[in-house]
All heavy atoms as atom14 arrays in JSON, in Angstrom:
{
  "sequence": "EAGTGGMLMFSPGRTDVSFTPTMDRRRIPAAPEFTDLAWYLHALVPAL",
  "atom14_mask": [
    [1, 1, 1, 1, 1, 1, 1, 1, 1, 0, 0, 0, 0, 0],
    [1, 1, 1, 1, 1, 0, 0, 0, 0, 0, 0, 0, 0, 0],
    [1, 1, 1, 1, 0, 0, 0, 0, 0, 0, 0, 0, 0, 0],
    [1, 1, 1, 1, 1, 1, 1, 0, 0, 0, 0, 0, 0, 0],
    [1, 1, 1, 1, 0, 0, 0, 0, 0, 0, 0, 0, 0, 0],
    [1, 1, 1, 1, 0, 0, 0, 0, 0, 0, 0, 0, 0, 0],
    [1, 1, 1, 1, 1, 1, 1, 1, 0, 0, 0, 0, 0, 0],
    [1, 1, 1, 1, 1, 1, 1, 1, 0, 0, 0, 0, 0, 0],
    [1, 1, 1, 1, 1, 1, 1, 1, 0, 0, 0, 0, 0, 0],
    [1, 1, 1, 1, 1, 1, 1, 1, 1, 1, 1, 0, 0, 0],
    [1, 1, 1, 1, 1, 1, 0, 0, 0, 0, 0, 0, 0, 0],
    [1, 1, 1, 1, 1, 1, 1, 0, 0, 0, 0, 0, 0, 0],
    [1, 1, 1, 1, 0, 0, 0, 0, 0, 0, 0, 0, 0, 0],
    [1, 1, 1, 1, 1, 1, 1, 1, 1, 1, 1, 0, 0, 0],
    [1, 1, 1, 1, 1, 1, 1, 0, 0, 0, 0, 0, 0, 0],
    [1, 1, 1, 1, 1, 1, 1, 1, 0, 0, 0, 0, 0, 0],
    [1, 1, 1, 1, 1, 1, 1, 0, 0, 0, 0, 0, 0, 0],
    [1, 1, 1, 1, 1, 1, 0, 0, 0, 0, 0, 0, 0, 0],
    [1, 1, 1, 1, 1, 1, 1, 1, 1, 1, 1, 0, 0, 0],
    [1, 1, 1, 1, 1, 1, 1, 0, 0, 0, 0, 0, 0, 0],
    [1, 1, 1, 1, 1, 1, 1, 0, 0, 0, 0, 0, 0, 0],
    [1, 1, 1, 1, 1, 1, 1, 0, 0, 0, 0, 0, 0, 0],
    [1, 1, 1, 1, 1, 1, 1, 1, 0, 0, 0, 0, 0, 0],
    [1, 1, 1, 1, 1, 1, 1, 1, 0, 0, 0, 0, 0, 0],
    [1, 1, 1, 1, 1, 1, 1, 1, 1, 1, 1, 0, 0, 0],
    [1, 1, 1, 1, 1, 1, 1, 1, 1, 1, 1, 0, 0, 0],
    [1, 1, 1, 1, 1, 1, 1, 1, 1, 1, 1, 0, 0, 0],
    [1, 1, 1, 1, 1, 1, 1, 1, 0, 0, 0, 0, 0, 0],
    [1, 1, 1, 1, 1, 1, 1, 0, 0, 0, 0, 0, 0, 0],
    [1, 1, 1, 1, 1, 0, 0, 0, 0, 0, 0, 0, 0, 0],
    [1, 1, 1, 1, 1, 0, 0, 0, 0, 0, 0, 0, 0, 0],
    [1, 1, 1, 1, 1, 1, 1, 0, 0, 0, 0, 0, 0, 0],
    [1, 1, 1, 1, 1, 1, 1, 1, 1, 0, 0, 0, 0, 0],
    [1, 1, 1, 1, 1, 1, 1, 1, 1, 1, 1, 0, 0, 0],
    [1, 1, 1, 1, 1, 1, 1, 0, 0, 0, 0, 0, 0, 0],
    [1, 1, 1, 1, 1, 1, 1, 1, 0, 0, 0, 0, 0, 0],
    [1, 1, 1, 1, 1, 1, 1, 1, 0, 0, 0, 0, 0, 0],
    [1, 1, 1, 1, 1, 0, 0, 0, 0, 0, 0, 0, 0, 0],
    [1, 1, 1, 1, 1, 1, 1, 1, 1, 1, 1, 1, 1, 1],
    [1, 1, 1, 1, 1, 1, 1, 1, 1, 1, 1, 1, 0, 0],
    [1, 1, 1, 1, 1, 1, 1, 1, 0, 0, 0, 0, 0, 0],
    [1, 1, 1, 1, 1, 1, 1, 1, 1, 1, 0, 0, 0, 0],
    [1, 1, 1, 1, 1, 0, 0, 0, 0, 0, 0, 0, 0, 0],
    [1, 1, 1, 1, 1, 1, 1, 1, 0, 0, 0, 0, 0, 0],
    [1, 1, 1, 1, 1, 1, 1, 0, 0, 0, 0, 0, 0, 0],
    [1, 1, 1, 1, 1, 1, 1, 0, 0, 0, 0, 0, 0, 0],
    [1, 1, 1, 1, 1, 0, 0, 0, 0, 0, 0, 0, 0, 0],
    [1, 1, 1, 1, 1, 1, 1, 1, 0, 0, 0, 0, 0, 0]
  ],
  "atom14_positions": [
    [[10.92, 8.18, 3.41], [11.14, 9.22, 2.37], [9.81, 9.76, 1.86], [9.61, 10.92, 1.56], [11.93, 8.69, 1.21], [13.38, 8.4, 1.6], [14.16, 7.69, 0.49], [13.63, 7.64, -0.68], [15.24, 7.25, 0.76], [0.0, 0.0, 0.0], [0.0, 0.0, 0.0], [0.0, 0.0, 0.0], [0.0, 0.0, 0.0], [0.0, 0.0, 0.0]],
    [[8.78, 8.9, 1.76], [7.45, 9.31, 1.23], [6.5, 9.76, 2.38], [5.49, 10.38, 2.07], [6.84, 8.12, 0.47], [0.0, 0.0, 0.0], [0.0, 0.0, 0.0], [0.0, 0.0, 0.0], [0.0, 0.0, 0.0], [0.0, 0.0, 0.0], [0.0, 0.0, 0.0], [0.0, 0.0, 0.0], [0.0, 0.0, 0.0], [0.0, 0.0, 0.0]],
    [[6.85, 9.41, 3.61], [6.01, 9.8, 4.72], [4.68, 9.07, 4.75], [3.67, 9.57, 5.19], [0.0, 0.0, 0.0], [0.0, 0.0, 0.0], [0.0, 0.0, 0.0], [0.0, 0.0, 0.0], [0.0, 0.0, 0.0], [0.0, 0.0, 0.0], [0.0, 0.0, 0.0], [0.0, 0.0, 0.0], [0.0, 0.0, 0.0], [0.0, 0.0, 0.0]],
    [[4.67, 7.83, 4.24], [3.44, 7.05, 4.25], [3.72, 5.62, 4.65], [4.87, 5.23, 4.74], [2.78, 7.07, 2.82], [1.52, 6.5, 2.88], [3.64, 6.39, 1.79], [0.0, 0.0, 0.0], [0.0, 0.0, 0.0], [0.0, 0.0, 0.0], [0.0, 0.0, 0.0], [0.0, 0.0, 0.0], [0.0, 0.0, 0.0], [0.0, 0.0, 0.0]],
    [[2.7, 4.84, 4.9], [2.88, 3.46, 5.29], [1.56, 2.8, 5.56], [0.48, 3.37, 5.28], [0.0, 0.0, 0.0], [0.0, 0.0, 0.0], [0.0, 0.0, 0.0], [0.0, 0.0, 0.0], [0.0, 0.0, 0.0], [0.0, 0.0, 0.0], [0.0, 0.0, 0.0], [0.0, 0.0, 0.0], [0.0, 0.0, 0.0], [0.0, 0.0, 0.0]],
    [[1.6, 1.66, 6.12], [0.37, 0.92, 6.46], [0.68, -0.42, 7.1], [1.77, -0.68, 7.58], [0.0, 0.0, 0.0], [0.0, 0.0, 0.0], [0.0, 0.0, 0.0], [0.0, 0.0, 0.0], [0.0, 0.0, 0.0], [0.0, 0.0, 0.0], [0.0, 0.0, 0.0], [0.0, 0.0, 0.0], [0.0, 0.0, 0.0], [0.0, 0.0, 0.0]],
    [[-0.35, -1.25, 7.08], [-0.27, -2.57, 7.68], [-0.2, -3.64, 6.64], [-1.01, -3.71, 5.76], [-1.5, -2.8, 8.56], [-1.4, -4.08, 9.38], [-2.88, -4.35, 10.46], [-2.69, -2.94, 11.56], [0.0, 0.0, 0.0], [0.0, 0.0, 0.0], [0.0, 0.0, 0.0], [0.0, 0.0, 0.0], [0.0, 0.0, 0.0], [0.0, 0.0, 0.0]],
    [[0.84, -4.45, 6.71], [1.05, -5.6, 5.85], [0.68, -6.83, 6.63], [1.26, -7.14, 7.67], [2.57, -5.63, 5.41], [2.99, -6.65, 4.4], [2.28, -6.37, 3.08], [4.5, -6.63, 4.24], [0.0, 0.0, 0.0], [0.0, 0.0, 0.0], [0.0, 0.0, 0.0], [0.0, 0.0, 0.0], [0.0, 0.0, 0.0], [0.0, 0.0, 0.0]],
    [[-0.33, -7.58, 6.12], [-0.93, -8.67, 6.87], [-0.71, -9.99, 6.06], [-0.96, -10.02, 4.9], [-2.4, -8.47, 7.12], [-2.63, -7.24, 7.99], [-4.36, -6.66, 7.9], [-4.3, -5.76, 6.32], [0.0, 0.0, 0.0], [0.0, 0.0, 0.0], [0.0, 0.0, 0.0], [0.0, 0.0, 0.0], [0.0, 0.0, 0.0], [0.0, 0.0, 0.0]],
    [[-0.21, -10.99, 6.74], [0.03, -12.3, 6.16], [-1.05, -13.29, 6.64], [-1.31, -13.34, 7.83], [1.4, -12.85, 6.54], [2.55, -11.97, 6.07], [3.01, -10.92, 6.82], [3.12, -12.25, 4.85], [4.03, -10.13, 6.38], [4.19, -11.45, 4.41], [4.68, -10.39, 5.15], [0.0, 0.0, 0.0], [0.0, 0.0, 0.0], [0.0, 0.0, 0.0]],
    [[-1.6, -13.98, 5.7], [-2.6, -15.01, 6.12], [-1.9, -16.19, 6.68], [-0.72, -16.39, 6.52], [-3.45, -15.42, 4.85], [-2.59, -16.12, 3.98], [0.0, 0.0, 0.0], [0.0, 0.0, 0.0], [0.0, 0.0, 0.0], [0.0, 0.0, 0.0], [0.0, 0.0, 0.0], [0.0, 0.0, 0.0], [0.0, 0.0, 0.0], [0.0, 0.0, 0.0]],
    [[-2.68, -17.03, 7.41], [-2.05, -18.32, 7.87], [-1.5, -19.11, 6.68], [-2.09, -19.16, 5.63], [-3.27, -19.04, 8.5], [-4.24, -17.96, 8.87], [-4.07, -16.88, 7.79], [0.0, 0.0, 0.0], [0.0, 0.0, 0.0], [0.0, 0.0, 0.0], [0.0, 0.0, 0.0], [0.0, 0.0, 0.0], [0.0, 0.0, 0.0], [0.0, 0.0, 0.0]],
    [[-0.3, -19.62, 6.88], [0.34, -20.31, 5.77], [1.1, -19.41, 4.84], [1.81, -19.86, 3.93], [0.0, 0.0, 0.0], [0.0, 0.0, 0.0], [0.0, 0.0, 0.0], [0.0, 0.0, 0.0], [0.0, 0.0, 0.0], [0.0, 0.0, 0.0], [0.0, 0.0, 0.0], [0.0, 0.0, 0.0], [0.0, 0.0, 0.0], [0.0, 0.0, 0.0]],
    [[0.95, -18.12, 5.02], [1.61, -17.09, 4.27], [1.44, -17.24, 2.75], [2.33, -16.99, 1.98], [3.05, -16.99, 4.64], [3.24, -16.55, 6.07], [4.69, -16.35, 6.42], [4.77, -16.02, 7.83], [5.93, -15.75, 8.39], [7.05, -15.77, 7.75], [5.96, -15.41, 9.68], [0.0, 0.0, 0.0], [0.0, 0.0, 0.0], [0.0, 0.0, 0.0]],
    [[0.23, -17.68, 2.32], [0.0, -17.76, 0.9], [-0.67, -16.5, 0.38], [-0.68, -16.3, -0.86], [-0.89, -18.98, 0.59], [-2.11, -18.89, 1.35], [-0.18, -20.29, 0.99], [0.0, 0.0, 0.0], [0.0, 0.0, 0.0], [0.0, 0.0, 0.0], [0.0, 0.0, 0.0], [0.0, 0.0, 0.0], [0.0, 0.0, 0.0], [0.0, 0.0, 0.0]],
    [[-1.24, -15.69, 1.19], [-1.84, -14.4, 0.79], [-1.3, -13.31, 1.7], [-1.04, -13.51, 2.9], [-3.36, -14.46, 1.0], [-4.02, -15.45, 0.06], [-3.68, -15.43, -1.17], [-4.89, -16.17, 0.52], [0.0, 0.0, 0.0], [0.0, 0.0, 0.0], [0.0, 0.0, 0.0], [0.0, 0.0, 0.0], [0.0, 0.0, 0.0], [0.0, 0.0, 0.0]],
    [[-1.18, -12.14, 1.13], [-0.71, -10.93, 1.82], [-1.7, -9.84, 1.5], [-2.14, -9.71, 0.38], [0.67, -10.53, 1.36], [1.06, -9.15, 1.81], [1.74, -11.51, 1.96], [0.0, 0.0, 0.0], [0.0, 0.0, 0.0], [0.0, 0.0, 0.0], [0.0, 0.0, 0.0], [0.0, 0.0, 0.0], [0.0, 0.0, 0.0], [0.0, 0.0, 0.0]],
    [[-2.03, -9.03, 2.5], [-2.84, -7.86, 2.28], [-2.11, -6.64, 2.78], [-1.33, -6.72, 3.76], [-4.18, -7.99, 3.08], [-4.92, -9.1, 2.67], [0.0, 0.0, 0.0], [0.0, 0.0, 0.0], [0.0, 0.0, 0.0], [0.0, 0.0, 0.0], [0.0, 0.0, 0.0], [0.0, 0.0, 0.0], [0.0, 0.0, 0.0], [0.0, 0.0, 0.0]],
    [[-2.35, -5.49, 2.17], [-1.78, -4.23, 2.65], [-2.9, -3.22, 2.75], [-3.65, -3.04, 1.78], [-0.65, -3.75, 1.65], [-0.1, -2.43, 2.1], [0.85, -2.37, 3.11], [-0.5, -1.25, 1.48], [1.36, -1.15, 3.54], [0.02, -0.03, 1.88], [0.96, 0.0, 2.93], [0.0, 0.0, 0.0], [0.0, 0.0, 0.0], [0.0, 0.0, 0.0]],
    [[-2.92, -2.58, 3.84], [-3.86, -1.45, 4.07], [-3.06, -0.17, 4.39], [-2.38, -0.1, 5.33], [-4.81, -1.78, 5.27], [-5.42, -3.01, 5.04], [-5.81, -0.68, 5.48], [0.0, 0.0, 0.0], [0.0, 0.0, 0.0], [0.0, 0.0, 0.0], [0.0, 0.0, 0.0], [0.0, 0.0, 0.0], [0.0, 0.0, 0.0], [0.0, 0.0, 0.0]],
    [[-3.19, 0.83, 3.46], [-2.52, 2.08, 3.72], [-3.22, 2.85, 4.82], [-4.34, 3.29, 4.71], [-2.59, 2.8, 2.38], [-3.75, 2.24, 1.69], [-3.93, 0.81, 2.2], [0.0, 0.0, 0.0], [0.0, 0.0, 0.0], [0.0, 0.0, 0.0], [0.0, 0.0, 0.0], [0.0, 0.0, 0.0], [0.0, 0.0, 0.0], [0.0, 0.0, 0.0]],
    [[-2.51, 2.94, 5.98], [-3.15, 3.56, 7.19], [-2.39, 4.8, 7.61], [-2.97, 5.54, 8.48], [-3.15, 2.57, 8.34], [-1.81, 2.1, 8.56], [-4.07, 1.34, 8.02], [0.0, 0.0, 0.0], [0.0, 0.0, 0.0], [0.0, 0.0, 0.0], [0.0, 0.0, 0.0], [0.0, 0.0, 0.0], [0.0, 0.0, 0.0], [0.0, 0.0, 0.0]],
    [[-1.25, 5.1, 7.11], [-0.5, 6.24, 7.54], [-0.33, 7.23, 6.41], [0.34, 6.92, 5.42], [0.92, 5.87, 8.04], [0.96, 4.97, 9.23], [2.65, 4.59, 9.67], [2.7, 2.86, 9.22], [0.0, 0.0, 0.0], [0.0, 0.0, 0.0], [0.0, 0.0, 0.0], [0.0, 0.0, 0.0], [0.0, 0.0, 0.0], [0.0, 0.0, 0.0]],
    [[-0.98, 8.41, 6.46], [-0.9, 9.45, 5.44], [-1.02, 8.81, 4.0], [-0.11, 8.89, 3.24], [0.39, 10.22, 5.58], [0.39, 10.98, 6.88], [-0.65, 11.48, 7.26], [1.46, 11.08, 7.48], [0.0, 0.0, 0.0], [0.0, 0.0, 0.0], [0.0, 0.0, 0.0], [0.0, 0.0, 0.0], [0.0, 0.0, 0.0], [0.0, 0.0, 0.0]],
    [[-2.19, 8.2, 3.78], [-2.45, 7.51, 2.53], [-2.15, 8.41, 1.31], [-2.52, 9.57, 1.29], [-3.94, 7.1, 2.49], [-4.33, 6.37, 1.26], [-5.79, 5.87, 1.44], [-6.79, 6.88, 1.74], [-7.48, 7.51, 0.76], [-7.32, 7.21, -0.52], [-8.39, 8.41, 1.1], [0.0, 0.0, 0.0], [0.0, 0.0, 0.0], [0.0, 0.0, 0.0]],
    [[-1.44, 7.81, 0.39], [-1.1, 8.51, -0.9], [-2.39, 8.47, -1.79], [-2.95, 7.48, -2.03], [0.01, 7.87, -1.6], [1.31, 8.08, -0.82], [2.53, 7.86, -1.49], [2.75, 8.6, -2.7], [3.69, 9.49, -2.91], [4.53, 9.77, -1.95], [3.83, 10.07, -4.07], [0.0, 0.0, 0.0], [0.0, 0.0, 0.0], [0.0, 0.0, 0.0]],
    [[-2.75, 9.64, -2.3], [-3.94, 9.79, -3.12], [-3.54, 10.11, -4.52], [-2.44, 10.59, -4.76], [-4.84, 10.86, -2.5], [-5.25, 10.58, -1.09], [-5.9, 11.8, -0.43], [-6.08, 11.63, 0.98], [-7.11, 11.1, 1.51], [-8.13, 10.66, 0.8], [-7.2, 10.96, 2.83], [0.0, 0.0, 0.0], [0.0, 0.0, 0.0], [0.0, 0.0, 0.0]],
    [[-4.45, 9.87, -5.45], [-4.26, 10.26, -6.83], [-4.54, 11.71, -6.96], [-5.71, 12.19, -6.59], [-5.19, 9.46, -7.78], [-4.81, 7.98, -7.66], [-5.07, 9.96, -9.18], [-5.77, 7.02, -8.39], [0.0, 0.0, 0.0], [0.0, 0.0, 0.0], [0.0, 0.0, 0.0], [0.0, 0.0, 0.0], [0.0, 0.0, 0.0], [0.0, 0.0, 0.0]],
    [[-3.6, 12.58, -7.39], [-3.81, 14.02, -7.39], [-5.07, 14.5, -8.14], [-5.8, 15.37, -7.65], [-2.55, 14.58, -8.03], [-1.48, 13.56, -7.74], [-2.25, 12.23, -7.73], [0.0, 0.0, 0.0], [0.0, 0.0, 0.0], [0.0, 0.0, 0.0], [0.0, 0.0, 0.0], [0.0, 0.0, 0.0], [0.0, 0.0, 0.0], [0.0, 0.0, 0.0]],
    [[-5.38, 13.87, -9.27], [-6.55, 14.27, -10.07], [-7.87, 13.7, -9.48], [-8.93, 14.13, -9.9], [-6.37, 13.86, -11.5], [0.0, 0.0, 0.0], [0.0, 0.0, 0.0], [0.0, 0.0, 0.0], [0.0, 0.0, 0.0], [0.0, 0.0, 0.0], [0.0, 0.0, 0.0], [0.0, 0.0, 0.0], [0.0, 0.0, 0.0], [0.0, 0.0, 0.0]],
    [[-7.76, 12.77, -8.58], [-8.94, 12.13, -7.97], [-8.61, 11.78, -6.48], [-8.41, 10.61, -6.18], [-9.38, 10.89, -8.75], [0.0, 0.0, 0.0], [0.0, 0.0, 0.0], [0.0, 0.0, 0.0], [0.0, 0.0, 0.0], [0.0, 0.0, 0.0], [0.0, 0.0, 0.0], [0.0, 0.0, 0.0], [0.0, 0.0, 0.0], [0.0, 0.0, 0.0]],
    [[-8.53, 12.77, -5.65], [-7.97, 12.57, -4.25], [-8.86, 11.63, -3.45], [-8.38, 11.2, -2.38], [-7.95, 13.95, -3.68], [-8.78, 14.81, -4.59], [-8.81, 14.18, -5.91], [0.0, 0.0, 0.0], [0.0, 0.0, 0.0], [0.0, 0.0, 0.0], [0.0, 0.0, 0.0], [0.0, 0.0, 0.0], [0.0, 0.0, 0.0], [0.0, 0.0, 0.0]],
    [[-10.09, 11.31, -3.87], [-10.85, 10.37, -3.09], [-10.39, 8.92, -3.28], [-10.82, 8.02, -2.58], [-12.36, 10.5, -3.45], [-12.71, 10.1, -4.85], [-12.52, 11.28, -5.87], [-11.97, 12.3, -5.56], [-13.0, 11.1, -7.0], [0.0, 0.0, 0.0], [0.0, 0.0, 0.0], [0.0, 0.0, 0.0], [0.0, 0.0, 0.0], [0.0, 0.0, 0.0]],
    [[-9.48, 8.7, -4.25], [-8.9, 7.4, -4.51], [-7.43, 7.23, -4.06], [-6.67, 8.22, -4.12], [-8.99, 7.06, -5.97], [-10.41, 6.84, -6.46], [-11.06, 7.86, -7.11], [-11.05, 5.63, -6.31], [-12.36, 7.74, -7.56], [-12.31, 5.46, -6.78], [-13.01, 6.49, -7.41], [0.0, 0.0, 0.0], [0.0, 0.0, 0.0], [0.0, 0.0, 0.0]],
    [[-7.13, 6.04, -3.6], [-5.76, 5.73, -3.19], [-4.91, 5.51, -4.44], [-5.37, 4.86, -5.39], [-5.72, 4.47, -2.31], [-6.59, 4.7, -1.23], [-4.32, 4.13, -1.84], [0.0, 0.0, 0.0], [0.0, 0.0, 0.0], [0.0, 0.0, 0.0], [0.0, 0.0, 0.0], [0.0, 0.0, 0.0], [0.0, 0.0, 0.0], [0.0, 0.0, 0.0]],
    [[-3.64, 5.96, -4.39], [-2.73, 5.7, -5.54], [-2.15, 4.34, -5.4], [-1.01, 4.07, -4.93], [-1.65, 6.76, -5.5], [-0.75, 6.73, -6.75], [-0.87, 5.8, -7.53], [0.05, 7.7, -6.92], [0.0, 0.0, 0.0], [0.0, 0.0, 0.0], [0.0, 0.0, 0.0], [0.0, 0.0, 0.0], [0.0, 0.0, 0.0], [0.0, 0.0, 0.0]],
    [[-2.98, 3.32, -5.79], [-2.56, 1.92, -5.67], [-1.3, 1.66, -6.45], [-0.47, 0.84, -6.0], [-3.68, 0.99, -6.12], [-4.96, 1.03, -5.24], [-6.01, 0.17, -5.92], [-4.7, 0.56, -3.86], [0.0, 0.0, 0.0], [0.0, 0.0, 0.0], [0.0, 0.0, 0.0], [0.0, 0.0, 0.0], [0.0, 0.0, 0.0], [0.0, 0.0, 0.0]],
    [[-1.11, 2.27, -7.57], [0.1, 2.02, -8.39], [1.35, 2.39, -7.62], [2.37, 1.68, -7.67], [0.02, 2.79, -9.73], [0.0, 0.0, 0.0], [0.0, 0.0, 0.0], [0.0, 0.0, 0.0], [0.0, 0.0, 0.0], [0.0, 0.0, 0.0], [0.0, 0.0, 0.0], [0.0, 0.0, 0.0], [0.0, 0.0, 0.0], [0.0, 0.0, 0.0]],
    [[1.29, 3.51, -6.88], [2.45, 3.9, -6.08], [2.83, 2.83, -5.02], [3.98, 2.45, -4.87], [2.21, 5.27, -5.4], [3.43, 5.74, -4.72], [4.4, 6.58, -5.24], [3.88, 5.45, -3.41], [5.37, 6.79, -4.3], [5.07, 6.1, -3.15], [3.36, 4.66, -2.37], [5.82, 5.99, -1.99], [4.08, 4.59, -1.17], [5.3, 5.27, -0.97]],
    [[1.78, 2.31, -4.3], [2.02, 1.32, -3.32], [2.56, 0.0, -3.95], [3.44, -0.65, -3.39], [0.75, 1.06, -2.48], [0.44, 2.16, -1.54], [-0.51, 3.13, -1.85], [1.1, 2.26, -0.32], [-0.79, 4.1, -0.98], [0.8, 3.28, 0.58], [-0.12, 4.25, 0.21], [-0.42, 5.25, 1.08], [0.0, 0.0, 0.0], [0.0, 0.0, 0.0]],
    [[2.01, -0.39, -5.06], [2.45, -1.6, -5.74], [3.94, -1.49, -6.17], [4.74, -2.37, -5.98], [1.6, -1.93, -6.92], [0.21, -2.42, -6.56], [-0.65, -2.5, -7.84], [0.26, -3.79, -5.87], [0.0, 0.0, 0.0], [0.0, 0.0, 0.0], [0.0, 0.0, 0.0], [0.0, 0.0, 0.0], [0.0, 0.0, 0.0], [0.0, 0.0, 0.0]],
    [[4.27, -0.33, -6.71], [5.64, -0.04, -7.1], [6.58, -0.1, -5.93], [7.74, -0.63, -6.03], [5.74, 1.33, -7.78], [7.11, 1.69, -8.25], [7.63, 1.16, -9.38], [8.05, 2.51, -7.69], [8.9, 1.67, -9.53], [9.14, 2.45, -8.52], [0.0, 0.0, 0.0], [0.0, 0.0, 0.0], [0.0, 0.0, 0.0], [0.0, 0.0, 0.0]],
    [[6.12, 0.32, -4.79], [6.99, 0.29, -3.6], [7.07, -1.09, -2.93], [8.1, -1.47, -2.39], [6.46, 1.32, -2.54], [0.0, 0.0, 0.0], [0.0, 0.0, 0.0], [0.0, 0.0, 0.0], [0.0, 0.0, 0.0], [0.0, 0.0, 0.0], [0.0, 0.0, 0.0], [0.0, 0.0, 0.0], [0.0, 0.0, 0.0], [0.0, 0.0, 0.0]],
    [[5.96, -1.87, -3.0], [5.91, -3.15, -2.28], [6.32, -4.4, -3.08], [6.92, -5.3, -2.54], [4.5, -3.36, -1.7], [4.08, -2.45, -0.55], [2.59, -2.6, -0.29], [4.86, -2.75, 0.69], [0.0, 0.0, 0.0], [0.0, 0.0, 0.0], [0.0, 0.0, 0.0], [0.0, 0.0, 0.0], [0.0, 0.0, 0.0], [0.0, 0.0, 0.0]],
    [[5.91, -4.44, -4.32], [6.07, -5.64, -5.14], [7.5, -6.11, -5.23], [7.79, -7.29, -5.1], [5.41, -5.51, -6.5], [5.79, -6.6, -7.43], [3.87, -5.53, -6.3], [0.0, 0.0, 0.0], [0.0, 0.0, 0.0], [0.0, 0.0, 0.0], [0.0, 0.0, 0.0], [0.0, 0.0, 0.0], [0.0, 0.0, 0.0], [0.0, 0.0, 0.0]],
    [[8.48, -5.24, -5.52], [9.9, -5.77, -5.62], [10.35, -6.55, -4.36], [10.95, -7.63, -4.52], [10.71, -4.51, -5.82], [9.76, -3.55, -6.48], [8.42, -3.79, -5.84], [0.0, 0.0, 0.0], [0.0, 0.0, 0.0], [0.0, 0.0, 0.0], [0.0, 0.0, 0.0], [0.0, 0.0, 0.0], [0.0, 0.0, 0.0], [0.0, 0.0, 0.0]],
    [[10.0, -6.06, -3.22], [10.37, -6.79, -1.96], [9.63, -8.11, -1.86], [10.17, -9.12, -1.41], [10.15, -5.91, -0.76], [0.0, 0.0, 0.0], [0.0, 0.0, 0.0], [0.0, 0.0, 0.0], [0.0, 0.0, 0.0], [0.0, 0.0, 0.0], [0.0, 0.0, 0.0], [0.0, 0.0, 0.0], [0.0, 0.0, 0.0], [0.0, 0.0, 0.0]],
    [[8.35, -8.07, -2.23], [7.55, -9.29, -2.1], [7.95, -10.37, -3.12], [7.8, -11.52, -2.87], [6.05, -8.96, -2.17], [5.54, -8.13, -1.01], [4.07, -7.69, -1.31], [5.65, -8.86, 0.31], [0.0, 0.0, 0.0], [0.0, 0.0, 0.0], [0.0, 0.0, 0.0], [0.0, 0.0, 0.0], [0.0, 0.0, 0.0], [0.0, 0.0, 0.0]]
  ]
}
């Protein structure tokens, strides 16, 4: 629906997870050089 995504990486033992937005990264409209981290957290945290 958002047309974005990325790579979700699990460390050995699955105690740490990393996410790298690699597909049409969502940017902050007022500061487009920055990623909209809040949007990604809102999308990912409930499932995690």
